[in-house]
C-alpha atoms as a PDB file:
ATOM      1  CA  MET A   1      97.940 159.933  19.421  1.00  0.00           C
ATOM      2  CA  SER A   2      94.767 160.608  21.558  1.00  0.00           C
ATOM      3  CA  LYS A   3      94.752 164.172  21.619  1.00  0.00           C
ATOM      4  CA  GLU A   4      92.283 165.474  18.855  1.00  0.00           C
ATOM      5  CA  LEU A   5      94.018 168.950  17.373  1.00  0.00           C
ATOM      6  CA  SER A   6      92.359 171.822  15.500  1.00  0.00           C
ATOM      7  CA  VAL A   7      94.599 171.972  12.494  1.00  0.00           C
ATOM      8  CA  ALA A   8      94.872 174.653  10.127  1.00  0.00           C
ATOM      9  CA  ILE A   9      96.476 174.162   6.069  1.00  0.00           C
ATOM     10  CA  VAL A  10      97.745 177.136   4.227  1.00  0.00           C
ATOM     11  CA  GLY A  11      98.048 176.185   0.724  1.00  0.00           C
ATOM     12  CA  ALA A  12      95.136 173.789   0.985  1.00  0.00           C
ATOM     13  CA  THR A  13      94.623 173.941  -2.679  1.00  0.00           C
ATOM     14  CA  GLY A  14      98.063 173.582  -4.094  1.00  0.00           C
ATOM     15  CA  MET A  15     100.126 170.366  -4.605  1.00  0.00           C
ATOM     16  CA  VAL A  16     101.473 170.502  -1.333  1.00  0.00           C
ATOM     17  CA  GLY A  17      98.434 171.152   0.746  1.00  0.00           C
ATOM     18  CA  ARG A  18      96.331 168.424  -0.968  1.00  0.00           C
ATOM     19  CA  GLU A  19      98.694 166.112  -0.300  1.00  0.00           C
ATOM     20  CA  LEU A  20      98.905 167.342   3.328  1.00  0.00           C
ATOM     21  CA  ILE A  21      94.981 166.704   3.398  1.00  0.00           C
ATOM     22  CA  ARG A  22      95.254 162.758   1.671  1.00  0.00           C
ATOM     23  CA  LEU A  23      97.756 162.037   4.367  1.00  0.00           C
ATOM     24  CA  LEU A  24      96.372 163.173   7.545  1.00  0.00           C
ATOM     25  CA  LEU A  25      93.918 161.042   6.778  1.00  0.00           C
ATOM     26  CA  GLN A  26      95.835 157.929   5.511  1.00  0.00           C
ATOM     27  CA  ARG A  27      97.894 158.373   9.004  1.00  0.00           C
ATOM     28  CA  ARG A  28      94.936 158.937  10.944  1.00  0.00           C
ATOM     29  CA  PHE A  29      96.240 161.898  12.384  1.00  0.00           C
ATOM     30  CA  PRO A  30      94.133 162.894  15.241  1.00  0.00           C
ATOM     31  CA  VAL A  31      92.372 166.029  13.494  1.00  0.00           C
ATOM     32  CA  LYS A  32      89.040 167.555  15.424  1.00  0.00           C
ATOM     33  CA  ALA A  33      88.772 170.274  12.823  1.00  0.00           C
ATOM     34  CA  PHE A  34      90.104 171.096   9.945  1.00  0.00           C
ATOM     35  CA  ARG A  35      90.601 174.733   8.454  1.00  0.00           C
ATOM     36  CA  LEU A  36      91.657 175.113   5.344  1.00  0.00           C
ATOM     37  CA  LEU A  37      93.144 178.442   3.530  1.00  0.00           C
ATOM     38  CA  ALA A  38      94.183 179.876   0.457  1.00  0.00           C
ATOM     39  CA  SER A  39      94.672 182.983  -1.067  1.00  0.00           C
ATOM     40  CA  SER A  40      91.435 185.044  -2.180  1.00  0.00           C
ATOM     41  CA  ARG A  41      91.181 183.336  -5.573  1.00  0.00           C
ATOM     42  CA  SER A  42      90.239 179.846  -4.262  1.00  0.00           C
ATOM     43  CA  VAL A  43      87.752 181.093  -1.170  1.00  0.00           C
ATOM     44  CA  GLY A  44      84.464 179.499  -1.705  1.00  0.00           C
ATOM     45  CA  LYS A  45      85.868 176.348  -3.329  1.00  0.00           C
ATOM     46  CA  LYS A  46      85.210 173.058  -1.793  1.00  0.00           C
ATOM     47  CA  LEU A  47      87.481 170.494  -1.090  1.00  0.00           C
ATOM     48  CA  GLN A  48      86.676 166.938  -0.457  1.00  0.00           C
ATOM     49  CA  VAL A  49      88.030 165.728   3.272  1.00  0.00           C
ATOM     50  CA  GLY A  50      87.021 162.688   3.988  1.00  0.00           C
ATOM     51  CA  ASP A  51      83.469 162.091   4.113  1.00  0.00           C
ATOM     52  CA  GLN A  52      82.644 165.981   4.358  1.00  0.00           C
ATOM     53  CA  GLU A  53      82.812 168.867   2.138  1.00  0.00           C
ATOM     54  CA  ILE A  54      85.020 172.211   3.330  1.00  0.00           C
ATOM     55  CA  GLU A  55      84.819 175.463   2.373  1.00  0.00           C
ATOM     56  CA  VAL A  56      88.131 177.256   1.661  1.00  0.00           C
ATOM     57  CA  GLN A  57      88.559 180.254   3.739  1.00  0.00           C
ATOM     58  CA  ASP A  58      90.771 183.377   2.816  1.00  0.00           C
ATOM     59  CA  THR A  59      93.875 183.366   4.740  1.00  0.00           C
ATOM     60  CA  ASN A  60      94.575 186.274   7.231  1.00  0.00           C
ATOM     61  CA  ASN A  61      95.761 187.549  10.288  1.00  0.00           C
ATOM     62  CA  ASN A  62      92.324 186.273  12.145  1.00  0.00           C
ATOM     63  CA  SER A  63      92.757 182.987  10.339  1.00  0.00           C
ATOM     64  CA  PHE A  64      94.420 181.182  13.477  1.00  0.00           C
ATOM     65  CA  ALA A  65      92.441 181.731  16.026  1.00  0.00           C
ATOM     66  CA  GLY A  66      91.928 178.089  18.356  1.00  0.00           C
ATOM     67  CA  ALA A  67      93.986 176.436  16.041  1.00  0.00           C
ATOM     68  CA  ASP A  68      96.492 173.994  17.699  1.00  0.00           C
ATOM     69  CA  ILE A  69      98.970 173.632  14.779  1.00  0.00           C
ATOM     70  CA  ALA A  70      99.027 175.268  11.630  1.00  0.00           C
ATOM     71  CA  PHE A  71     100.805 173.833   8.049  1.00  0.00           C
ATOM     72  CA  PHE A  72     102.290 176.262   5.907  1.00  0.00           C
ATOM     73  CA  GLY A  73     102.617 175.301   2.075  1.00  0.00           C
ATOM     74  CA  ALA A  74     102.005 178.412   0.586  1.00  0.00           C
ATOM     75  CA  THR A  75     104.725 181.205  -1.311  1.00  0.00           C
ATOM     76  CA  PRO A  76     107.411 182.692   0.785  1.00  0.00           C
ATOM     77  CA  GLU A  77     105.892 186.245   0.995  1.00  0.00           C
ATOM     78  CA  ILE A  78     102.530 184.305   2.699  1.00  0.00           C
ATOM     79  CA  SER A  79     104.827 182.421   5.307  1.00  0.00           C
ATOM     80  CA  GLN A  80     107.096 185.806   5.904  1.00  0.00           C
ATOM     81  CA  ASN A  81     103.845 187.724   6.671  1.00  0.00           C
ATOM     82  CA  LEU A  82     101.292 185.069   8.288  1.00  0.00           C
ATOM     83  CA  VAL A  83     103.371 182.866  10.524  1.00  0.00           C
ATOM     84  CA  PRO A  84     104.374 185.104  13.252  1.00  0.00           C
ATOM     85  CA  ALA A  85     100.320 186.283  13.033  1.00  0.00           C
ATOM     86  CA  ALA A  86      99.792 181.971  13.410  1.00  0.00           C
ATOM     87  CA  ALA A  87     102.097 181.556  16.159  1.00  0.00           C
ATOM     88  CA  LYS A  88     100.943 184.780  18.069  1.00  0.00           C
ATOM     89  CA  ALA A  89      97.455 183.341  18.162  1.00  0.00           C
ATOM     90  CA  GLY A  90      98.849 180.226  20.030  1.00  0.00           C
ATOM     91  CA  ALA A  91      99.244 177.238  16.706  1.00  0.00           C
ATOM     92  CA  VAL A  92     102.581 175.486  16.317  1.00  0.00           C
ATOM     93  CA  VAL A  93     103.187 176.584  12.837  1.00  0.00           C
ATOM     94  CA  ILE A  94     105.257 173.678  10.759  1.00  0.00           C
ATOM     95  CA  ASP A  95     106.524 175.926   8.162  1.00  0.00           C
ATOM     96  CA  ASP A  96     107.525 174.455   3.980  1.00  0.00           C
ATOM     97  CA  SER A  97     109.035 177.680   3.060  1.00  0.00           C
ATOM     98  CA  PRO A  98     112.914 179.032   3.107  1.00  0.00           C
ATOM     99  CA  VAL A  99     111.802 181.743   5.026  1.00  0.00           C
ATOM    100  CA  TRP A 100     112.408 180.646   8.447  1.00  0.00           C
ATOM    101  CA  ARG A 101     114.694 177.490   8.126  1.00  0.00           C
ATOM    102  CA  MET A 102     118.221 179.485   8.712  1.00  0.00           C
ATOM    103  CA  GLU A 103     116.682 181.616  11.405  1.00  0.00           C
ATOM    104  CA  PRO A 104     119.009 180.278  14.676  1.00  0.00           C
ATOM    105  CA  ASP A 105     116.426 179.841  16.593  1.00  0.00           C
ATOM    106  CA  VAL A 106     114.190 177.829  14.541  1.00  0.00           C
ATOM    107  CA  PRO A 107     114.484 174.234  14.513  1.00  0.00           C
ATOM    108  CA  LEU A 108     114.963 172.720  10.583  1.00  0.00           C
ATOM    109  CA  VAL A 109     113.824 169.169  10.915  1.00  0.00           C
ATOM    110  CA  VAL A 110     113.729 165.505   9.955  1.00  0.00           C
ATOM    111  CA  PRO A 111     112.370 163.457  12.358  1.00  0.00           C
ATOM    112  CA  GLU A 112     114.229 160.529  11.389  1.00  0.00           C
ATOM    113  CA  VAL A 113     117.533 162.567  11.935  1.00  0.00           C
ATOM    114  CA  ASN A 114     116.905 165.200  14.414  1.00  0.00           C
ATOM    115  CA  ALA A 115     113.857 165.096  16.266  1.00  0.00           C
ATOM    116  CA  ALA A 116     115.456 166.634  19.605  1.00  0.00           C
ATOM    117  CA  ASP A 117     115.691 169.900  17.961  1.00  0.00           C
ATOM    118  CA  LEU A 118     111.846 170.282  18.493  1.00  0.00           C
ATOM    119  CA  GLU A 119     111.965 170.335  22.323  1.00  0.00           C
ATOM    120  CA  GLN A 120     113.770 174.010  21.762  1.00  0.00           C
ATOM    121  CA  HIS A 121     111.052 175.145  19.194  1.00  0.00           C
ATOM    122  CA  GLY A 122     109.649 177.955  19.565  1.00  0.00           C
ATOM    123  CA  GLY A 123     106.206 177.872  18.282  1.00  0.00           C
ATOM    124  CA  VAL A 124     107.781 177.835  14.941  1.00  0.00           C
ATOM    125  CA  ILE A 125     109.263 175.018  12.968  1.00  0.00           C
ATOM    126  CA  ALA A 126     111.048 174.809   9.721  1.00  0.00           C
ATOM    127  CA  ILE A 127     110.959 171.375   7.049  1.00  0.00           C
ATOM    128  CA  PRO A 128     113.928 171.683   4.472  1.00  0.00           C
ATOM    129  CA  ASN A 129     113.780 172.012   0.959  1.00  0.00           C
ATOM    130  CA  SER A 130     112.304 169.332  -0.467  1.00  0.00           C
ATOM    131  CA  SER A 131     115.807 168.278  -2.055  1.00  0.00           C
ATOM    132  CA  THR A 132     117.620 168.328   0.927  1.00  0.00           C
ATOM    133  CA  THR A 133     115.202 166.052   3.135  1.00  0.00           C
ATOM    134  CA  PRO A 134     116.064 162.648   1.117  1.00  0.00           C
ATOM    135  CA  ILE A 135     119.897 163.576   1.132  1.00  0.00           C
ATOM    136  CA  VAL A 136     120.104 164.017   5.210  1.00  0.00           C
ATOM    137  CA  LEU A 137     118.215 160.803   5.493  1.00  0.00           C
ATOM    138  CA  ALA A 138     120.022 158.898   3.347  1.00  0.00           C
ATOM    139  CA  LEU A 139     123.491 159.987   5.072  1.00  0.00           C
ATOM    140  CA  TRP A 140     122.607 160.849   8.628  1.00  0.00           C
ATOM    141  CA  PRO A 141     122.850 156.886   9.588  1.00  0.00           C
ATOM    142  CA  VAL A 142     126.108 156.629   7.819  1.00  0.00           C
ATOM    143  CA  HIS A 143     127.116 159.706   9.393  1.00  0.00           C
ATOM    144  CA  GLN A 144     126.635 158.115  12.909  1.00  0.00           C
ATOM    145  CA  VAL A 145     128.966 155.350  12.038  1.00  0.00           C
ATOM    146  CA  ASN A 146     131.549 156.621   9.956  1.00  0.00           C
ATOM    147  CA  PRO A 147     131.666 160.304  10.097  1.00  0.00           C
ATOM    148  CA  ILE A 148     131.080 162.209   6.755  1.00  0.00           C
ATOM    149  CA  LYS A 149     133.720 164.660   5.904  1.00  0.00           C
ATOM    150  CA  ARG A 150     132.574 165.722   1.990  1.00  0.00           C
ATOM    151  CA  ILE A 151     129.258 165.684   0.073  1.00  0.00           C
ATOM    152  CA  ILE A 152     128.748 166.209  -3.827  1.00  0.00           C
ATOM    153  CA  VAL A 153     125.360 165.951  -5.046  1.00  0.00           C
ATOM    154  CA  ASP A 154     124.269 166.358  -7.895  1.00  0.00           C
ATOM    155  CA  THR A 155     120.069 166.456  -8.313  1.00  0.00           C
ATOM    156  CA  TYR A 156     117.660 165.801 -10.465  1.00  0.00           C
ATOM    157  CA  GLN A 157     114.350 167.420  -9.645  1.00  0.00           C
ATOM    158  CA  PRO A 158     110.876 167.099 -10.949  1.00  0.00           C
ATOM    159  CA  VAL A 159     108.343 169.910 -12.291  1.00  0.00           C
ATOM    160  CA  SER A 160     105.965 169.380  -9.619  1.00  0.00           C
ATOM    161  CA  ALA A 161     108.364 170.971  -6.983  1.00  0.00           C
ATOM    162  CA  THR A 162     107.436 174.127  -8.605  1.00  0.00           C
ATOM    163  CA  GLY A 163     103.593 173.748  -8.564  1.00  0.00           C
ATOM    164  CA  ALA A 164     100.823 173.090 -10.658  1.00  0.00           C
ATOM    165  CA  ARG A 165     101.260 175.696 -13.498  1.00  0.00           C
ATOM    166  CA  ALA A 166     104.788 173.390 -14.224  1.00  0.00           C
ATOM    167  CA  VAL A 167     103.019 170.274 -14.269  1.00  0.00           C
ATOM    168  CA  GLY A 168     100.463 171.484 -16.842  1.00  0.00           C
ATOM    169  CA  GLU A 169     103.125 173.648 -18.663  1.00  0.00           C
ATOM    170  CA  LEU A 170     105.675 170.324 -19.380  1.00  0.00           C
ATOM    171  CA  THR A 171     102.675 168.487 -20.249  1.00  0.00           C
ATOM    172  CA  GLU A 172     101.084 171.073 -22.804  1.00  0.00           C
ATOM    173  CA  GLN A 173     105.105 171.324 -23.861  1.00  0.00           C
ATOM    174  CA  ALA A 174     105.903 167.388 -24.650  1.00  0.00           C
ATOM    175  CA  ARG A 175     102.357 167.067 -26.733  1.00  0.00           C
ATOM    176  CA  ALA A 176     103.093 170.315 -28.918  1.00  0.00           C
ATOM    177  CA  VAL A 177     106.634 168.689 -29.609  1.00  0.00           C
ATOM    178  CA  LEU A 178     105.398 165.543 -30.693  1.00  0.00           C
ATOM    179  CA  ASP A 179     103.032 167.265 -32.790  1.00  0.00           C
ATOM    180  CA  GLY A 180     105.640 169.016 -34.366  1.00  0.00           C
ATOM    181  CA  LYS A 181     104.602 172.650 -32.908  1.00  0.00           C
ATOM    182  CA  ASN A 182     106.624 175.368 -31.111  1.00  0.00           C
ATOM    183  CA  VAL A 183     106.553 176.077 -27.615  1.00  0.00           C
ATOM    184  CA  THR A 184     107.145 179.236 -25.797  1.00  0.00           C
ATOM    185  CA  PRO A 185     108.162 178.883 -22.433  1.00  0.00           C
ATOM    186  CA  HIS A 186     106.281 180.576 -19.466  1.00  0.00           C
ATOM    187  CA  VAL A 187     106.920 178.814 -16.435  1.00  0.00           C
ATOM    188  CA  TYR A 188     111.165 178.379 -16.771  1.00  0.00           C
ATOM    189  CA  PRO A 189     113.426 179.877 -18.844  1.00  0.00           C
ATOM    190  CA  HIS A 190     113.456 177.834 -21.765  1.00  0.00           C
ATOM    191  CA  GLN A 191     111.628 174.794 -22.610  1.00  0.00           C
ATOM    192  CA  ILE A 192     111.332 171.829 -20.177  1.00  0.00           C
ATOM    193  CA  ALA A 193     109.590 169.452 -22.220  1.00  0.00           C
ATOM    194  CA  PHE A 194     112.536 166.887 -23.496  1.00  0.00           C
ATOM    195  CA  ASN A 195     115.303 169.000 -22.267  1.00  0.00           C
ATOM    196  CA  LEU A 196     117.066 169.814 -18.904  1.00  0.00           C
ATOM    197  CA  LEU A 197     117.556 172.907 -16.833  1.00  0.00           C
ATOM    198  CA  PRO A 198     120.608 173.414 -14.542  1.00  0.00           C
ATOM    199  CA  GLU A 199     118.920 176.668 -12.910  1.00  0.00           C
ATOM    200  CA  ILE A 200     116.842 176.342 -10.357  1.00  0.00           C
ATOM    201  CA  ASP A 201     115.938 179.332  -8.185  1.00  0.00           C
ATOM    202  CA  VAL A 202     118.123 182.311  -8.974  1.00  0.00           C
ATOM    203  CA  PHE A 203     121.717 182.101  -9.466  1.00  0.00           C
ATOM    204  CA  MET A 204     124.228 184.035  -7.339  1.00  0.00           C
ATOM    205  CA  ASP A 205     126.986 185.840  -7.257  1.00  0.00           C
ATOM    206  CA  ASN A 206     129.411 182.680  -6.087  1.00  0.00           C
ATOM    207  CA  GLY A 207     128.074 180.730  -9.169  1.00  0.00           C
ATOM    208  CA  TYR A 208     125.657 178.923  -7.412  1.00  0.00           C
ATOM    209  CA  THR A 209     122.165 178.856  -7.531  1.00  0.00           C
ATOM    210  CA  LYS A 210     119.866 179.400  -4.340  1.00  0.00           C
ATOM    211  CA  GLU A 211     118.278 176.243  -4.599  1.00  0.00           C
ATOM    212  CA  GLU A 212     121.886 174.598  -4.496  1.00  0.00           C
ATOM    213  CA  TRP A 213     123.086 176.713  -1.627  1.00  0.00           C
ATOM    214  CA  LYS A 214     120.190 175.684   0.738  1.00  0.00           C
ATOM    215  CA  ILE A 215     121.179 172.245   0.294  1.00  0.00           C
ATOM    216  CA  VAL A 216     124.908 173.373   1.405  1.00  0.00           C
ATOM    217  CA  GLN A 217     123.350 175.201   4.114  1.00  0.00           C
ATOM    218  CA  GLU A 218     120.541 173.154   5.664  1.00  0.00           C
ATOM    219  CA  THR A 219     122.529 169.788   5.245  1.00  0.00           C
ATOM    220  CA  ARG A 220     125.053 171.347   8.152  1.00  0.00           C
ATOM    221  CA  LYS A 221     122.079 172.911  10.219  1.00  0.00           C
ATOM    222  CA  ILE A 222     120.243 169.594  10.214  1.00  0.00           C
ATOM    223  CA  MET A 223     123.380 167.525  10.920  1.00  0.00           C
ATOM    224  CA  HIS A 224     124.718 169.921  13.533  1.00  0.00           C
ATOM    225  CA  GLU A 225     127.942 170.016  11.396  1.00  0.00           C
ATOM    226  CA  PRO A 226     128.327 173.780  10.379  1.00  0.00           C
ATOM    227  CA  ASP A 227     131.768 173.068   8.813  1.00  0.00           C
ATOM    228  CA  LEU A 228     130.415 170.173   6.619  1.00  0.00           C
ATOM    229  CA  LEU A 229     132.403 170.079   3.409  1.00  0.00           C
ATOM    230  CA  VAL A 230     129.207 170.485   0.491  1.00  0.00           C
ATOM    231  CA  SER A 231     128.768 171.339  -2.995  1.00  0.00           C
ATOM    232  CA  ALA A 232     125.515 170.447  -4.890  1.00  0.00           C
ATOM    233  CA  THR A 233     124.383 171.020  -8.770  1.00  0.00           C
ATOM    234  CA  CYS A 234     120.540 171.281  -9.247  1.00  0.00           C
ATOM    235  CA  VAL A 235     118.965 170.314 -12.562  1.00  0.00           C
ATOM    236  CA  ARG A 236     115.207 170.612 -13.559  1.00  0.00           C
ATOM    237  CA  VAL A 237     114.274 167.691 -15.262  1.00  0.00           C
ATOM    238  CA  PRO A 238     111.008 166.705 -17.305  1.00  0.00           C
ATOM    239  CA  VAL A 239     109.550 164.226 -14.737  1.00  0.00           C
ATOM    240  CA  PHE A 240     106.348 165.040 -12.994  1.00  0.00           C
ATOM    241  CA  VAL A 241     107.158 164.014  -9.717  1.00  0.00           C
ATOM    242  CA  GLY A 242     110.088 162.724  -7.827  1.00  0.00           C
ATOM    243  CA  HIS A 243     113.657 163.814  -6.721  1.00  0.00           C
ATOM    244  CA  SER A 244     116.406 161.834  -7.858  1.00  0.00           C
ATOM    245  CA  ALA A 245     119.961 162.764  -6.703  1.00  0.00           C
ATOM    246  CA  ALA A 246     123.666 161.255  -7.282  1.00  0.00           C
ATOM    247  CA  LEU A 247     125.724 161.383  -4.085  1.00  0.00           C
ATOM    248  CA  HIS A 248     129.720 160.924  -3.814  1.00  0.00           C
ATOM    249  CA  VAL A 249     130.542 161.022  -0.562  1.00  0.00           C
ATOM    250  CA  GLU A 250     134.052 161.208   1.531  1.00  0.00           C
ATOM    251  CA  LEU A 251     133.768 159.244   4.936  1.00  0.00           C
ATOM    252  CA  SER A 252     136.821 159.388   7.624  1.00  0.00           C
ATOM    253  CA  HIS A 253     137.409 156.282   7.324  1.00  0.00           C
ATOM    254  CA  PRO A 254     137.303 153.455   4.308  1.00  0.00           C
ATOM    255  CA  MET A 255     134.305 151.313   4.352  1.00  0.00           C
ATOM    256  CA  PRO A 256     133.106 148.420   2.320  1.00  0.00           C
ATOM    257  CA  ALA A 257     130.046 149.344   0.117  1.00  0.00           C
ATOM    258  CA  ASP A 258     128.142 146.229   1.502  1.00  0.00           C
ATOM    259  CA  GLU A 259     128.647 147.600   4.873  1.00  0.00           C
ATOM    260  CA  ILE A 260     126.695 150.904   3.908  1.00  0.00           C
ATOM    261  CA  ARG A 261     124.040 149.082   2.418  1.00  0.00           C
ATOM    262  CA  ASP A 262     123.792 147.001   5.304  1.00  0.00           C
ATOM    263  CA  ILE A 263     123.184 150.143   7.250  1.00  0.00           C
ATOM    264  CA  LEU A 264     120.721 151.872   5.307  1.00  0.00           C
ATOM    265  CA  ARG A 265     118.739 148.484   4.990  1.00  0.00           C
ATOM    266  CA  GLU A 266     118.125 149.184   9.025  1.00  0.00           C
ATOM    267  CA  ALA A 267     117.409 152.403   8.718  1.00  0.00           C
ATOM    268  CA  PRO A 268     114.268 154.430   9.231  1.00  0.00           C
ATOM    269  CA  GLY A 269     112.596 155.920   5.870  1.00  0.00           C
ATOM    270  CA  ILE A 270     114.789 153.921   3.529  1.00  0.00           C
ATOM    271  CA  THR A 271     114.043 151.152   1.336  1.00  0.00           C
ATOM    272  CA  VAL A 272     117.572 149.840  -0.758  1.00  0.00           C
ATOM    273  CA  GLN A 273     117.049 149.042  -4.256  1.00  0.00           C
ATOM    274  CA  ASP A 274     120.403 147.763  -5.376  1.00  0.00           C
ATOM    275  CA  GLU A 275     120.451 144.594  -7.683  1.00  0.00           C
ATOM    276  CA  PRO A 276     122.342 146.101 -11.224  1.00  0.00           C
ATOM    277  CA  SER A 277     122.203 142.546 -12.218  1.00  0.00           C
ATOM    278  CA  ILE A 278     118.262 142.872 -12.607  1.00  0.00           C
ATOM    279  CA  SER A 279     118.239 146.301 -13.522  1.00  0.00           C
ATOM    280  CA  LEU A 280     116.553 147.201  -9.829  1.00  0.00           C
ATOM    281  CA  TYR A 281     117.579 150.807  -8.770  1.00  0.00           C
ATOM    282  CA  PRO A 282     115.519 153.848  -7.465  1.00  0.00           C
ATOM    283  CA  GLN A 283     113.473 155.661 -10.431  1.00  0.00           C
ATOM    284  CA  PRO A 284     111.127 158.334  -9.601  1.00  0.00           C
ATOM    285  CA  TRP A 285     108.293 157.083 -11.571  1.00  0.00           C
ATOM    286  CA  THR A 286     108.219 153.950  -8.929  1.00  0.00           C
ATOM    287  CA  ALA A 287     109.040 156.135  -5.754  1.00  0.00           C
ATOM    288  CA  ALA A 288     105.968 158.458  -6.574  1.00  0.00           C
ATOM    289  CA  GLY A 289     103.280 157.980  -4.215  1.00  0.00           C
ATOM    290  CA  ARG A 290     105.127 156.486  -1.370  1.00  0.00           C
ATOM    291  CA  ASP A 291     106.585 157.364   1.633  1.00  0.00           C
ATOM    292  CA  ASP A 292     110.253 155.905   1.864  1.00  0.00           C
ATOM    293  CA  ILE A 293     112.925 157.701   0.041  1.00  0.00           C
ATOM    294  CA  PHE A 294     114.795 154.838  -2.370  1.00  0.00           C
ATOM    295  CA  VAL A 295     118.513 154.161  -2.601  1.00  0.00           C
ATOM    296  CA  GLY A 296     120.772 152.259  -4.952  1.00  0.00           C
ATOM    297  CA  ARG A 297     124.067 152.145  -7.001  1.00  0.00           C
ATOM    298  CA  LEU A 298     125.598 151.827  -4.051  1.00  0.00           C
ATOM    299  CA  ARG A 299     129.449 151.598  -4.557  1.00  0.00           C
ATOM    300  CA  GLN A 300     132.970 152.231  -4.037  1.00  0.00           C
ATOM    301  CA  ASP A 301     134.223 155.883  -5.567  1.00  0.00           C
ATOM    302  CA  VAL A 302     136.932 154.642  -7.607  1.00  0.00           C
ATOM    303  CA  SER A 303     138.673 158.291  -6.951  1.00  0.00           C
ATOM    304  CA  HIS A 304     138.853 158.115  -3.172  1.00  0.00           C
ATOM    305  CA  PRO A 305     139.849 155.222  -0.592  1.00  0.00           C
ATOM    306  CA  ASN A 306     137.224 156.730   1.987  1.00  0.00           C
ATOM    307  CA  GLY A 307     134.596 157.420  -0.881  1.00  0.00           C
ATOM    308  CA  PHE A 308     131.579 155.621  -1.828  1.00  0.00           C
ATOM    309  CA  ALA A 309     128.436 156.773  -4.377  1.00  0.00           C
ATOM    310  CA  MET A 310     124.951 156.296  -4.491  1.00  0.00           C
ATOM    311  CA  TRP A 311     122.109 156.970  -6.416  1.00  0.00           C
ATOM    312  CA  LEU A 312     118.584 158.231  -4.109  1.00  0.00           C
ATOM    313  CA  VAL A 313     115.101 158.847  -5.355  1.00  0.00           C
ATOM    314  CA  SER A 314     112.258 160.244  -3.248  1.00  0.00           C
ATOM    315  CA  ASP A 315     108.589 161.575  -3.685  1.00  0.00           C
ATOM    316  CA  ASN A 316     108.912 165.233  -3.426  1.00  0.00           C
ATOM    317  CA  LEU A 317     105.464 165.855  -2.539  1.00  0.00           C
ATOM    318  CA  ARG A 318     105.285 163.175   0.510  1.00  0.00           C
ATOM    319  CA  LYS A 319     108.316 163.152   1.952  1.00  0.00           C
ATOM    320  CA  GLY A 320     110.091 166.014   0.822  1.00  0.00           C
ATOM    321  CA  ALA A 321     107.069 168.704   2.189  1.00  0.00           C
ATOM    322  CA  ALA A 322     103.551 166.786   3.066  1.00  0.00           C
ATOM    323  CA  LEU A 323     105.018 163.781   5.179  1.00  0.00           C
ATOM    324  CA  ASN A 324     107.867 165.359   6.748  1.00  0.00           C
ATOM    325  CA  SER A 325     105.439 168.062   8.222  1.00  0.00           C
ATOM    326  CA  ILE A 326     103.047 165.185   9.545  1.00  0.00           C
ATOM    327  CA  GLN A 327     105.874 163.387  10.886  1.00  0.00           C
ATOM    328  CA  ILE A 328     107.053 166.923  12.693  1.00  0.00           C
ATOM    329  CA  ALA A 329     103.386 166.634  13.858  1.00  0.00           C
ATOM    330  CA  GLU A 330     103.476 163.217  15.495  1.00  0.00           C
ATOM    331  CA  GLU A 331     106.444 163.904  17.113  1.00  0.00           C
ATOM    332  CA  LEU A 332     105.280 166.989  18.948  1.00  0.00           C
ATOM    333  CA  ILE A 333     102.394 165.235  19.873  1.00  0.00           C
ATOM    334  CA  ALA A 334     104.487 161.887  21.259  1.00  0.00           C
ATOM    335  CA  ARG A 335     106.915 164.298  23.014  1.00  0.00           C
ATOM    336  CA  ASN A 336     104.257 166.225  24.610  1.00  0.00           C
ATOM    337  CA  LEU A 337     105.131 169.481  23.004  1.00  0.00           C
ATOM    338  CA  ILE A 338     101.964 170.738  21.578  1.00  0.00           C
END
């Protein structure tokens, strides 16, 4: 990567924005200059970026002049309002919000799965919901060998996927409960400490939440399978970092679990941790801060001759958001698309 780029980061002070900065430096992304953007309440703050301090600027229609690439890790409202302005200014936008994901002319990309879709980008590229990314990454290598007919997934999602306020609320609630005190929820509709909430985003008329429906729609779009049968249940859990998911998958033909395990061992971005005899399986605690997704508990599904089940875990801030965005940018450079 010899070409140096001017990089704007929208939402630079948030959890995803800070992770973007760390990973851009770690991966030696060819940055000519950083432009750190956030809301008005963060303007003037200084963030350490390598050996320099950079002042945070306000985000507005004029923020993107001269930027080659703009990473958006802010609210849907900001993406809705400012992504067109960034693209019009000439920046290639990689957006982490749900706003553009299902637009027909906007590629929705996990590079290990559908990097070729980047060839059709018109200046705006979306990344999937952080719970969708590890699912398609784990299933795509199997799908290439034995097409998938149906997916049932249950996700167990951490508070960091909601943001810093939710992380603070879990910390405060856990201390209060251990001290025998009552708690009042603010971020979530109920107490999250020592509890599970089967409600992520709002409920729809069909009984699913929007988070669950994102998994359905995004999986179909990324895998280019518009009729794929997908059902999801999403649960918020009192974990700080790390998406977990239980997957039950129906294939076109029977396939031994050992063969699936071998396929996944050879796939990019996946680490297999699957040795039940020594209690080796993926855990959010050990996946946090790591780039790969981790799969284990791989077994035949006794309820269907063509089925298998597995457990997976990934860092929602890295592969679920910041890392996937940067890998898209690296792929753009490799394909001379920026």
